[in-house]
């Protein structure tokens, strides 16, 4: 078994709820320009721009809090200008939506040390 530690990289598989939350807060350049021209873009507003994500997409994530060997909080590094904070995520053997898993080379290293 691999022990998660703060700063370690894991792989995270987005759940349907994760994808909906990420896509809901994102926009694109054309939409920003249109809102600026309409005078409805708030001064100093931060835009989250990135590719659309879907359930099952896998992204690297940094461990930011360890509750136990099976439960962690992570910052998911998305394909865009934002990231996603996923809290209380469980480990899985493979890609399971809403769970993190270890990269193949991490598993191989752990097997060598066992």
C-alpha atoms as a PDB file:
ATOM      1  CA  UNK A   1       0.000   0.000   0.000  1.00  0.00           C
ATOM      2  CA  UNK A   2       1.226   3.505  -0.842  1.00  0.00           C
ATOM      3  CA  UNK A   3       0.917   6.147   1.852  1.00  0.00           C
ATOM      4  CA  UNK A   4      -0.286   9.547   0.615  1.00  0.00           C
ATOM      5  CA  UNK A   5       1.765  12.512   1.822  1.00  0.00           C
ATOM      6  CA  UNK A   6       1.383  16.266   1.365  1.00  0.00           C
ATOM      7  CA  UNK A   7       2.853  17.436  -1.952  1.00  0.00           C
ATOM      8  CA  UNK A   8       2.646  14.059  -3.658  1.00  0.00           C
ATOM      9  CA  UNK A   9       1.090  13.818  -7.121  1.00  0.00           C
ATOM     10  CA  UNK A  10      -1.824  11.431  -7.695  1.00  0.00           C
ATOM     11  CA  UNK A  11      -4.283  10.971 -10.554  1.00  0.00           C
ATOM     12  CA  UNK A  12      -7.891  12.062 -10.052  1.00  0.00           C
ATOM     13  CA  UNK A  13     -10.904  10.883 -12.051  1.00  0.00           C
ATOM     14  CA  UNK A  14     -13.635  13.528 -12.260  1.00  0.00           C
ATOM     15  CA  UNK A  15     -17.137  12.635 -11.140  1.00  0.00           C
ATOM     16  CA  UNK A  16     -20.239  13.942 -12.908  1.00  0.00           C
ATOM     17  CA  UNK A  17     -20.732  16.484 -10.100  1.00  0.00           C
ATOM     18  CA  UNK A  18     -17.091  17.648 -10.342  1.00  0.00           C
ATOM     19  CA  UNK A  19     -17.415  18.201 -14.103  1.00  0.00           C
ATOM     20  CA  UNK A  20     -20.675  20.127 -13.723  1.00  0.00           C
ATOM     21  CA  UNK A  21     -19.174  22.390 -11.051  1.00  0.00           C
ATOM     22  CA  UNK A  22     -16.018  23.087 -13.080  1.00  0.00           C
ATOM     23  CA  UNK A  23     -17.871  23.768 -16.346  1.00  0.00           C
ATOM     24  CA  UNK A  24     -20.427  26.008 -14.598  1.00  0.00           C
ATOM     25  CA  UNK A  25     -17.770  28.438 -13.363  1.00  0.00           C
ATOM     26  CA  UNK A  26     -15.823  28.605 -16.647  1.00  0.00           C
ATOM     27  CA  UNK A  27     -16.256  31.078 -19.493  1.00  0.00           C
ATOM     28  CA  UNK A  28     -14.470  31.933 -22.748  1.00  0.00           C
ATOM     29  CA  UNK A  29     -12.867  35.001 -24.303  1.00  0.00           C
ATOM     30  CA  UNK A  30     -15.788  35.815 -26.596  1.00  0.00           C
ATOM     31  CA  UNK A  31     -18.223  35.790 -23.689  1.00  0.00           C
ATOM     32  CA  UNK A  32     -15.975  38.067 -21.646  1.00  0.00           C
ATOM     33  CA  UNK A  33     -15.671  40.572 -24.511  1.00  0.00           C
ATOM     34  CA  UNK A  34     -19.432  40.582 -25.011  1.00  0.00           C
ATOM     35  CA  UNK A  35     -20.054  41.244 -21.321  1.00  0.00           C
ATOM     36  CA  UNK A  36     -17.436  44.018 -21.245  1.00  0.00           C
ATOM     37  CA  UNK A  37     -19.116  45.693 -24.232  1.00  0.00           C
ATOM     38  CA  UNK A  38     -22.501  45.383 -22.496  1.00  0.00           C
ATOM     39  CA  UNK A  39     -21.014  46.901 -19.346  1.00  0.00           C
ATOM     40  CA  UNK A  40     -21.884  43.876 -17.211  1.00  0.00           C
ATOM     41  CA  UNK A  41     -18.393  42.456 -16.591  1.00  0.00           C
ATOM     42  CA  UNK A  42     -17.458  43.406 -13.009  1.00  0.00           C
ATOM     43  CA  UNK A  43     -14.242  45.386 -12.633  1.00  0.00           C
ATOM     44  CA  UNK A  44     -11.518  43.077 -11.321  1.00  0.00           C
ATOM     45  CA  UNK A  45     -13.496  39.896 -11.945  1.00  0.00           C
ATOM     46  CA  UNK A  46     -11.410  36.765 -12.397  1.00  0.00           C
ATOM     47  CA  UNK A  47     -12.225  34.570 -15.381  1.00  0.00           C
ATOM     48  CA  UNK A  48     -11.772  30.807 -15.367  1.00  0.00           C
ATOM     49  CA  UNK A  49     -11.000  29.702 -18.914  1.00  0.00           C
ATOM     50  CA  UNK A  50     -10.319  26.137 -19.994  1.00  0.00           C
ATOM     51  CA  UNK A  51     -11.446  23.183 -22.030  1.00  0.00           C
ATOM     52  CA  UNK A  52     -14.753  21.503 -21.227  1.00  0.00           C
ATOM     53  CA  UNK A  53     -14.408  18.587 -18.807  1.00  0.00           C
ATOM     54  CA  UNK A  54     -16.558  15.468 -18.502  1.00  0.00           C
ATOM     55  CA  UNK A  55     -17.109  12.663 -16.036  1.00  0.00           C
ATOM     56  CA  UNK A  56     -14.225  10.205 -16.214  1.00  0.00           C
ATOM     57  CA  UNK A  57     -11.593  12.738 -17.312  1.00  0.00           C
ATOM     58  CA  UNK A  58      -8.332  12.140 -15.448  1.00  0.00           C
ATOM     59  CA  UNK A  59      -6.068  14.944 -14.233  1.00  0.00           C
ATOM     60  CA  UNK A  60      -2.979  15.145 -12.025  1.00  0.00           C
ATOM     61  CA  UNK A  61      -3.600  16.386  -8.510  1.00  0.00           C
ATOM     62  CA  UNK A  62      -1.432  17.509  -5.602  1.00  0.00           C
ATOM     63  CA  UNK A  63      -2.177  16.134  -2.148  1.00  0.00           C
ATOM     64  CA  UNK A  64      -2.871  19.082   0.195  1.00  0.00           C
ATOM     65  CA  UNK A  65      -4.298  17.295   3.243  1.00  0.00           C
ATOM     66  CA  UNK A  66      -4.118  13.706   4.427  1.00  0.00           C
ATOM     67  CA  UNK A  67      -6.893  12.417   6.667  1.00  0.00           C
ATOM     68  CA  UNK A  68      -5.735   8.791   6.538  1.00  0.00           C
ATOM     69  CA  UNK A  69      -4.242   6.369   3.974  1.00  0.00           C
ATOM     70  CA  UNK A  70      -7.576   6.185   2.141  1.00  0.00           C
ATOM     71  CA  UNK A  71      -8.904   9.758   2.450  1.00  0.00           C
ATOM     72  CA  UNK A  72      -7.257  12.968   1.202  1.00  0.00           C
ATOM     73  CA  UNK A  73      -7.923  16.502  -0.042  1.00  0.00           C
ATOM     74  CA  UNK A  74      -6.359  17.431  -3.392  1.00  0.00           C
ATOM     75  CA  UNK A  75      -5.890  20.368  -5.799  1.00  0.00           C
ATOM     76  CA  UNK A  76      -6.711  19.036  -9.250  1.00  0.00           C
ATOM     77  CA  UNK A  77      -4.639  20.628 -12.033  1.00  0.00           C
ATOM     78  CA  UNK A  78      -7.103  21.241 -14.868  1.00  0.00           C
ATOM     79  CA  UNK A  79      -6.488  22.015 -18.547  1.00  0.00           C
ATOM     80  CA  UNK A  80      -7.083  25.748 -18.177  1.00  0.00           C
ATOM     81  CA  UNK A  81      -6.380  28.747 -15.987  1.00  0.00           C
ATOM     82  CA  UNK A  82      -7.997  27.250 -12.895  1.00  0.00           C
ATOM     83  CA  UNK A  83      -7.702  24.282 -10.601  1.00  0.00           C
ATOM     84  CA  UNK A  84     -10.242  22.357  -8.539  1.00  0.00           C
ATOM     85  CA  UNK A  85     -10.252  21.600  -4.831  1.00  0.00           C
ATOM     86  CA  UNK A  86     -11.560  18.088  -4.242  1.00  0.00           C
ATOM     87  CA  UNK A  87     -12.105  17.237  -0.588  1.00  0.00           C
ATOM     88  CA  UNK A  88     -12.323  13.923   1.220  1.00  0.00           C
ATOM     89  CA  UNK A  89     -11.535  11.705  -1.777  1.00  0.00           C
ATOM     90  CA  UNK A  90     -10.955   7.989  -1.432  1.00  0.00           C
ATOM     91  CA  UNK A  91      -8.317   5.894  -3.152  1.00  0.00           C
ATOM     92  CA  UNK A  92      -9.265   3.352  -5.814  1.00  0.00           C
ATOM     93  CA  UNK A  93      -7.243   0.720  -7.622  1.00  0.00           C
ATOM     94  CA  UNK A  94      -8.046   2.194 -11.038  1.00  0.00           C
ATOM     95  CA  UNK A  95      -9.859   5.220 -12.491  1.00  0.00           C
ATOM     96  CA  UNK A  96     -13.177   5.492 -10.664  1.00  0.00           C
ATOM     97  CA  UNK A  97     -15.125   8.777 -10.906  1.00  0.00           C
ATOM     98  CA  UNK A  98     -14.725  10.809  -7.724  1.00  0.00           C
ATOM     99  CA  UNK A  99     -11.662   8.864  -6.523  1.00  0.00           C
ATOM    100  CA  UNK A 100      -7.899   9.245  -6.777  1.00  0.00           C
ATOM    101  CA  UNK A 101      -5.508   6.530  -7.851  1.00  0.00           C
ATOM    102  CA  UNK A 102      -1.781   6.025  -8.065  1.00  0.00           C
ATOM    103  CA  UNK A 103       0.242   6.237 -11.275  1.00  0.00           C
ATOM    104  CA  UNK A 104       1.601   2.960 -12.643  1.00  0.00           C
ATOM    105  CA  UNK A 105       5.218   3.863 -11.845  1.00  0.00           C
ATOM    106  CA  UNK A 106       4.248   4.679  -8.217  1.00  0.00           C
ATOM    107  CA  UNK A 107       2.632   1.250  -7.907  1.00  0.00           C
ATOM    108  CA  UNK A 108       5.731  -0.391  -9.423  1.00  0.00           C
ATOM    109  CA  UNK A 109       8.029   1.409  -6.971  1.00  0.00           C
ATOM    110  CA  UNK A 110       5.837   0.369  -4.029  1.00  0.00           C
ATOM    111  CA  UNK A 111       5.897  -3.248  -5.243  1.00  0.00           C
ATOM    112  CA  UNK A 112       9.732  -3.172  -5.351  1.00  0.00           C
ATOM    113  CA  UNK A 113       9.896  -2.003  -1.753  1.00  0.00           C
ATOM    114  CA  UNK A 114       7.373  -4.542  -0.472  1.00  0.00           C
END
